[in-house]
Every structure is written in C-alpha cells, then in structure tokens.
Amino acid sequence: MPESSSIHALMMAVIQEQDVDMATRALAQVAAPVTHLSSTGGFLGRRNATLLIGLPDGLEEVVLKALQTSCRQRVEYLAIPLEGSPLPMPTPVPVTVGGATMFTLPVEHYEEL
C-alpha cells in the first residue's frame, strides 16, 4: 500500500459497466488503489462505473495505459423513429459508446485511518 504522502492526484475514470472487471484487474496489477462506484450515463442512460484511482508519483502514464487497454469502444445501434414517416418505423443508427473518460485532480492531503 502506498504511503499517504505519495498520492499526489486523484483520477476519476468513467467506463462502461462491462469493462469494470478487466479495468480493476489491470489497475491491481500496477498497484493503483481504486474504488468502484456505480453510475448511470446521461445520453443513453446506460450503466457505467466511476473509478476513483489514487495516483502515486510517476504512476499516471501506467494507469492511463492500463485503462486504455482494458476499456474499449463499441458500436451499438439505437432505433430512432424516421421523421415524416406515416408509420413510426424505427431506423437503426450507429452510436459509438465505451472507452474511458478520465479527469485528474490534484490532491492536497491524503490520509488512511
């Protein structure tokens, strides 16, 4: 476990729920402390996972690489009604989902009790 003074940043990564197991395993392999929170996406309303990752000095690039390899983008099709059609026939529209959205915040103080 890293010492409390070594955590210098907090990374928040929003990923798809189906990627959470692979992502947490990849983060465990690089010894990055992680907390998993369930969340819901806004645009598609899909289940997501928000990972809170403590970043010790020098680990940011390794964590980014671990997330890049474990969280992939997918193409899904949404049924959108065709405008002007007399019958509400849905037309499948491809939408790219997945990957990871990351935010990194500086940490002024970190302590484990």
Protein backbone atom coordinates (compact mmCIF):
# COMPACT_ATOMS: atom_id res chain seq x y z
CA MET A 1 0.00 0.00 0.00
CA PRO A 2 1.46 3.39 -0.95
CA GLU A 3 2.31 5.82 1.82
CA SER A 4 -0.16 8.63 2.39
CA SER A 5 2.29 11.29 1.20
CA SER A 6 2.86 9.53 -2.15
CA ILE A 7 -0.69 10.08 -3.52
CA HIS A 8 -0.44 13.32 -5.47
CA ALA A 9 -3.55 13.14 -7.70
CA LEU A 10 -7.00 11.56 -7.94
CA MET A 11 -8.10 10.22 -11.29
CA MET A 12 -11.80 9.71 -11.91
CA ALA A 13 -12.45 7.36 -14.81
CA VAL A 14 -15.97 6.82 -16.18
CA ILE A 15 -16.15 3.50 -18.02
CA GLN A 16 -18.83 1.08 -19.20
CA GLU A 17 -20.07 -1.44 -16.64
CA GLN A 18 -18.94 -4.39 -18.80
CA ASP A 19 -15.32 -3.13 -18.66
CA VAL A 20 -15.12 -2.71 -14.87
CA ASP A 21 -13.75 -6.19 -14.02
CA MET A 22 -10.97 -6.04 -16.60
CA ALA A 23 -10.11 -2.44 -15.65
CA THR A 24 -9.91 -3.11 -11.91
CA ARG A 25 -7.73 -6.19 -12.53
CA ALA A 26 -5.40 -4.12 -14.75
CA LEU A 27 -5.19 -1.41 -12.07
CA ALA A 28 -4.47 -4.00 -9.36
CA GLN A 29 -1.56 -5.33 -11.46
CA VAL A 30 0.07 -1.87 -11.41
CA ALA A 31 -0.72 -1.44 -7.67
CA ALA A 32 -3.00 1.57 -8.17
CA PRO A 33 -5.51 1.99 -5.32
CA VAL A 34 -9.04 2.06 -6.78
CA THR A 35 -12.61 2.49 -5.54
CA HIS A 36 -15.53 1.48 -7.79
CA LEU A 37 -18.78 3.47 -7.78
CA SER A 38 -21.80 2.51 -9.89
CA SER A 39 -23.14 5.34 -12.05
CA THR A 40 -25.52 5.97 -14.94
CA GLY A 41 -24.74 7.72 -18.23
CA GLY A 42 -26.66 10.77 -19.35
CA PHE A 43 -27.08 10.49 -23.14
CA LEU A 44 -28.01 6.81 -23.41
CA GLY A 45 -28.89 6.21 -19.76
CA ARG A 46 -26.65 3.12 -19.65
CA ARG A 47 -25.00 1.68 -16.58
CA ASN A 48 -21.46 2.93 -16.09
CA ALA A 49 -18.78 2.62 -13.47
CA THR A 50 -16.86 5.52 -11.99
CA LEU A 51 -13.42 4.51 -10.74
CA LEU A 52 -11.64 6.69 -8.18
CA ILE A 53 -7.93 5.99 -8.58
CA GLY A 54 -5.21 7.31 -6.27
CA LEU A 55 -2.15 8.27 -8.29
CA PRO A 56 1.22 7.97 -6.60
CA ASP A 57 4.09 9.91 -8.16
CA GLY A 58 5.07 8.52 -11.55
CA LEU A 59 2.09 6.19 -11.96
CA GLU A 60 -0.20 8.35 -14.12
CA GLU A 61 1.05 7.10 -17.51
CA VAL A 62 0.94 3.48 -16.35
CA VAL A 63 -2.67 3.89 -15.15
CA LEU A 64 -3.67 5.58 -18.42
CA LYS A 65 -2.17 2.69 -20.40
CA ALA A 66 -3.94 0.11 -18.20
CA LEU A 67 -7.30 1.83 -18.78
CA GLN A 68 -6.61 2.23 -22.50
CA THR A 69 -6.05 -1.49 -22.93
CA SER A 70 -8.95 -2.63 -20.72
CA CYS A 71 -11.73 -0.21 -21.75
CA ARG A 72 -12.75 -0.46 -25.38
CA GLN A 73 -15.15 1.44 -27.58
CA ARG A 74 -18.10 -0.37 -29.18
CA VAL A 75 -20.63 0.46 -31.86
CA GLU A 76 -24.24 -0.03 -30.78
CA TYR A 77 -27.37 0.65 -32.78
CA LEU A 78 -30.22 2.81 -31.50
CA ALA A 79 -33.70 2.66 -33.01
CA ILE A 80 -34.64 6.23 -33.96
CA PRO A 81 -38.10 6.94 -35.47
CA LEU A 82 -37.81 8.27 -39.03
CA GLU A 83 -39.21 11.81 -39.27
CA GLY A 84 -42.00 12.36 -41.77
CA SER A 85 -42.83 8.68 -41.98
CA PRO A 86 -46.54 7.79 -41.78
CA LEU A 87 -45.64 4.76 -39.66
CA PRO A 88 -43.28 5.01 -36.70
CA MET A 89 -40.70 2.68 -38.24
CA PRO A 90 -37.50 2.90 -36.23
CA THR A 91 -34.29 3.29 -38.20
CA PRO A 92 -31.14 1.81 -36.59
CA VAL A 93 -28.49 4.49 -36.12
CA PRO A 94 -24.90 3.52 -35.16
CA VAL A 95 -23.57 5.16 -31.98
CA THR A 96 -20.03 4.74 -30.63
CA VAL A 97 -20.03 4.04 -26.90
CA GLY A 98 -17.44 2.99 -24.38
CA GLY A 99 -13.82 3.71 -23.85
CA ALA A 100 -12.96 5.77 -20.79
CA THR A 101 -13.41 9.39 -19.82
CA MET A 102 -10.78 10.50 -17.31
CA PHE A 103 -10.44 13.51 -15.05
CA THR A 104 -7.32 14.07 -12.95
CA LEU A 105 -7.44 16.31 -9.89
CA PRO A 106 -4.57 17.38 -7.63
CA VAL A 107 -4.63 16.06 -4.06
CA GLU A 108 -3.54 18.42 -1.32
CA HIS A 109 -3.90 15.93 1.52
CA TYR A 110 -4.43 12.15 1.65
CA GLU A 111 -4.73 10.07 4.77
CA GLU A 112 -5.76 6.48 5.58
CA LEU A 113 -7.22 5.84 9.00
